[in-house]
């Protein structure tokens, strides 16, 4: 299993609003990049994608960020359904 470069099409940059895992990005350890992909396996090398951080410090940050996103989405769902739908369409949901 080696990187064939296919995954570069799905590469994502880190957002200022949260970590990769909190935004639904996945990491391929072989290709060494974060990608936006619906499957569990890398489209490039076929290796299993990581969906959670490994380090305890980052696991805690991930939990906090997920809680923030959940609270924000619940608020939008009640007060601004149009904006809520916009985020759901982008793939950000609880």
C-alpha atoms as a PDB file:
ATOM      1  CA  UNK A   1       0.000   0.000   0.000  1.00  0.00           C
ATOM      2  CA  UNK A   2       1.497   3.263  -1.128  1.00  0.00           C
ATOM      3  CA  UNK A   3       0.095   6.704  -1.836  1.00  0.00           C
ATOM      4  CA  UNK A   4      -0.877   7.057  -5.495  1.00  0.00           C
ATOM      5  CA  UNK A   5      -1.794  10.754  -5.254  1.00  0.00           C
ATOM      6  CA  UNK A   6      -5.563  10.246  -5.677  1.00  0.00           C
ATOM      7  CA  UNK A   7      -6.208  11.481  -2.138  1.00  0.00           C
ATOM      8  CA  UNK A   8      -4.845  14.952  -2.946  1.00  0.00           C
ATOM      9  CA  UNK A   9      -8.193  15.733  -4.646  1.00  0.00           C
ATOM     10  CA  UNK A  10      -9.945  15.314  -1.292  1.00  0.00           C
ATOM     11  CA  UNK A  11      -7.362  17.153   0.838  1.00  0.00           C
ATOM     12  CA  UNK A  12      -8.664  19.739   3.319  1.00  0.00           C
ATOM     13  CA  UNK A  13      -6.953  22.552   5.185  1.00  0.00           C
ATOM     14  CA  UNK A  14      -7.528  23.104   8.879  1.00  0.00           C
ATOM     15  CA  UNK A  15     -10.324  25.524   9.641  1.00  0.00           C
ATOM     16  CA  UNK A  16     -10.006  28.302  12.198  1.00  0.00           C
ATOM     17  CA  UNK A  17     -13.353  27.183  13.640  1.00  0.00           C
ATOM     18  CA  UNK A  18     -12.194  23.824  14.933  1.00  0.00           C
ATOM     19  CA  UNK A  19     -10.000  20.807  14.594  1.00  0.00           C
ATOM     20  CA  UNK A  20     -10.074  18.414  11.677  1.00  0.00           C
ATOM     21  CA  UNK A  21     -11.817  15.573  13.482  1.00  0.00           C
ATOM     22  CA  UNK A  22     -14.506  17.849  14.929  1.00  0.00           C
ATOM     23  CA  UNK A  23     -15.322  19.014  11.394  1.00  0.00           C
ATOM     24  CA  UNK A  24     -15.645  15.447  10.110  1.00  0.00           C
ATOM     25  CA  UNK A  25     -12.283  15.221   8.365  1.00  0.00           C
ATOM     26  CA  UNK A  26     -10.410  11.932   8.393  1.00  0.00           C
ATOM     27  CA  UNK A  27      -6.675  11.203   8.376  1.00  0.00           C
ATOM     28  CA  UNK A  28      -4.805   8.661   6.309  1.00  0.00           C
ATOM     29  CA  UNK A  29      -1.631   7.552   8.051  1.00  0.00           C
ATOM     30  CA  UNK A  30      -0.052   6.253   4.836  1.00  0.00           C
ATOM     31  CA  UNK A  31      -0.720   9.366   2.727  1.00  0.00           C
ATOM     32  CA  UNK A  32      -0.190  11.590   5.812  1.00  0.00           C
ATOM     33  CA  UNK A  33      -3.026  14.029   5.019  1.00  0.00           C
ATOM     34  CA  UNK A  34      -6.505  14.946   6.229  1.00  0.00           C
ATOM     35  CA  UNK A  35      -9.272  14.359   3.704  1.00  0.00           C
ATOM     36  CA  UNK A  36     -13.016  14.941   3.419  1.00  0.00           C
ATOM     37  CA  UNK A  37     -14.290  11.480   2.526  1.00  0.00           C
ATOM     38  CA  UNK A  38     -17.451   9.572   3.394  1.00  0.00           C
ATOM     39  CA  UNK A  39     -15.913   6.102   3.456  1.00  0.00           C
ATOM     40  CA  UNK A  40     -13.788   4.439   6.114  1.00  0.00           C
ATOM     41  CA  UNK A  41     -10.983   3.525   3.703  1.00  0.00           C
ATOM     42  CA  UNK A  42      -8.601   5.873   1.883  1.00  0.00           C
ATOM     43  CA  UNK A  43      -9.592   6.261  -1.794  1.00  0.00           C
ATOM     44  CA  UNK A  44      -5.893   6.341  -2.687  1.00  0.00           C
ATOM     45  CA  UNK A  45      -4.085   3.572  -0.824  1.00  0.00           C
ATOM     46  CA  UNK A  46      -6.972   1.603   0.717  1.00  0.00           C
ATOM     47  CA  UNK A  47      -5.684   2.094   4.274  1.00  0.00           C
ATOM     48  CA  UNK A  48      -8.191   2.559   7.131  1.00  0.00           C
ATOM     49  CA  UNK A  49      -8.832   6.252   7.888  1.00  0.00           C
ATOM     50  CA  UNK A  50      -8.544   7.654  11.414  1.00  0.00           C
ATOM     51  CA  UNK A  51     -11.679   9.428  12.637  1.00  0.00           C
ATOM     52  CA  UNK A  52     -10.553  10.258  16.189  1.00  0.00           C
ATOM     53  CA  UNK A  53      -7.397  11.818  17.646  1.00  0.00           C
ATOM     54  CA  UNK A  54      -4.872   9.515  19.345  1.00  0.00           C
ATOM     55  CA  UNK A  55      -3.378  11.885  21.922  1.00  0.00           C
ATOM     56  CA  UNK A  56      -5.287  12.350  25.226  1.00  0.00           C
ATOM     57  CA  UNK A  57      -4.868  16.131  25.055  1.00  0.00           C
ATOM     58  CA  UNK A  58      -6.400  16.290  21.583  1.00  0.00           C
ATOM     59  CA  UNK A  59      -9.125  13.830  22.508  1.00  0.00           C
ATOM     60  CA  UNK A  60     -10.275  16.245  25.212  1.00  0.00           C
ATOM     61  CA  UNK A  61     -10.167  19.185  22.794  1.00  0.00           C
ATOM     62  CA  UNK A  62     -12.156  17.099  20.303  1.00  0.00           C
ATOM     63  CA  UNK A  63     -14.871  16.370  22.873  1.00  0.00           C
ATOM     64  CA  UNK A  64     -15.113  20.058  23.814  1.00  0.00           C
ATOM     65  CA  UNK A  65     -15.289  21.178  20.186  1.00  0.00           C
ATOM     66  CA  UNK A  66     -17.964  18.586  19.366  1.00  0.00           C
ATOM     67  CA  UNK A  67     -20.019  19.850  22.328  1.00  0.00           C
ATOM     68  CA  UNK A  68     -19.675  23.452  21.092  1.00  0.00           C
ATOM     69  CA  UNK A  69     -20.759  22.460  17.589  1.00  0.00           C
ATOM     70  CA  UNK A  70     -23.717  20.518  18.978  1.00  0.00           C
ATOM     71  CA  UNK A  71     -24.869  23.525  21.040  1.00  0.00           C
ATOM     72  CA  UNK A  72     -24.445  25.862  18.053  1.00  0.00           C
ATOM     73  CA  UNK A  73     -26.402  23.561  15.740  1.00  0.00           C
ATOM     74  CA  UNK A  74     -29.238  23.194  18.266  1.00  0.00           C
ATOM     75  CA  UNK A  75     -29.413  26.984  18.624  1.00  0.00           C
ATOM     76  CA  UNK A  76     -29.492  27.468  14.848  1.00  0.00           C
ATOM     77  CA  UNK A  77     -32.118  24.770  14.439  1.00  0.00           C
ATOM     78  CA  UNK A  78     -34.456  26.681  16.749  1.00  0.00           C
ATOM     79  CA  UNK A  79     -33.624  30.291  15.832  1.00  0.00           C
ATOM     80  CA  UNK A  80     -32.346  30.272  12.232  1.00  0.00           C
ATOM     81  CA  UNK A  81     -33.540  27.200  10.300  1.00  0.00           C
ATOM     82  CA  UNK A  82     -32.168  28.570   7.014  1.00  0.00           C
ATOM     83  CA  UNK A  83     -28.617  28.829   8.371  1.00  0.00           C
ATOM     84  CA  UNK A  84     -29.018  25.437  10.043  1.00  0.00           C
ATOM     85  CA  UNK A  85     -29.941  23.887   6.690  1.00  0.00           C
ATOM     86  CA  UNK A  86     -26.904  25.544   5.105  1.00  0.00           C
ATOM     87  CA  UNK A  87     -24.593  23.769   7.580  1.00  0.00           C
ATOM     88  CA  UNK A  88     -26.427  20.460   7.171  1.00  0.00           C
ATOM     89  CA  UNK A  89     -26.000  20.729   3.395  1.00  0.00           C
ATOM     90  CA  UNK A  90     -22.248  21.258   3.911  1.00  0.00           C
ATOM     91  CA  UNK A  91     -22.108  18.043   5.940  1.00  0.00           C
ATOM     92  CA  UNK A  92     -21.774  19.572   9.404  1.00  0.00           C
ATOM     93  CA  UNK A  93     -24.321  17.939  11.661  1.00  0.00           C
ATOM     94  CA  UNK A  94     -24.686  16.500  15.124  1.00  0.00           C
END
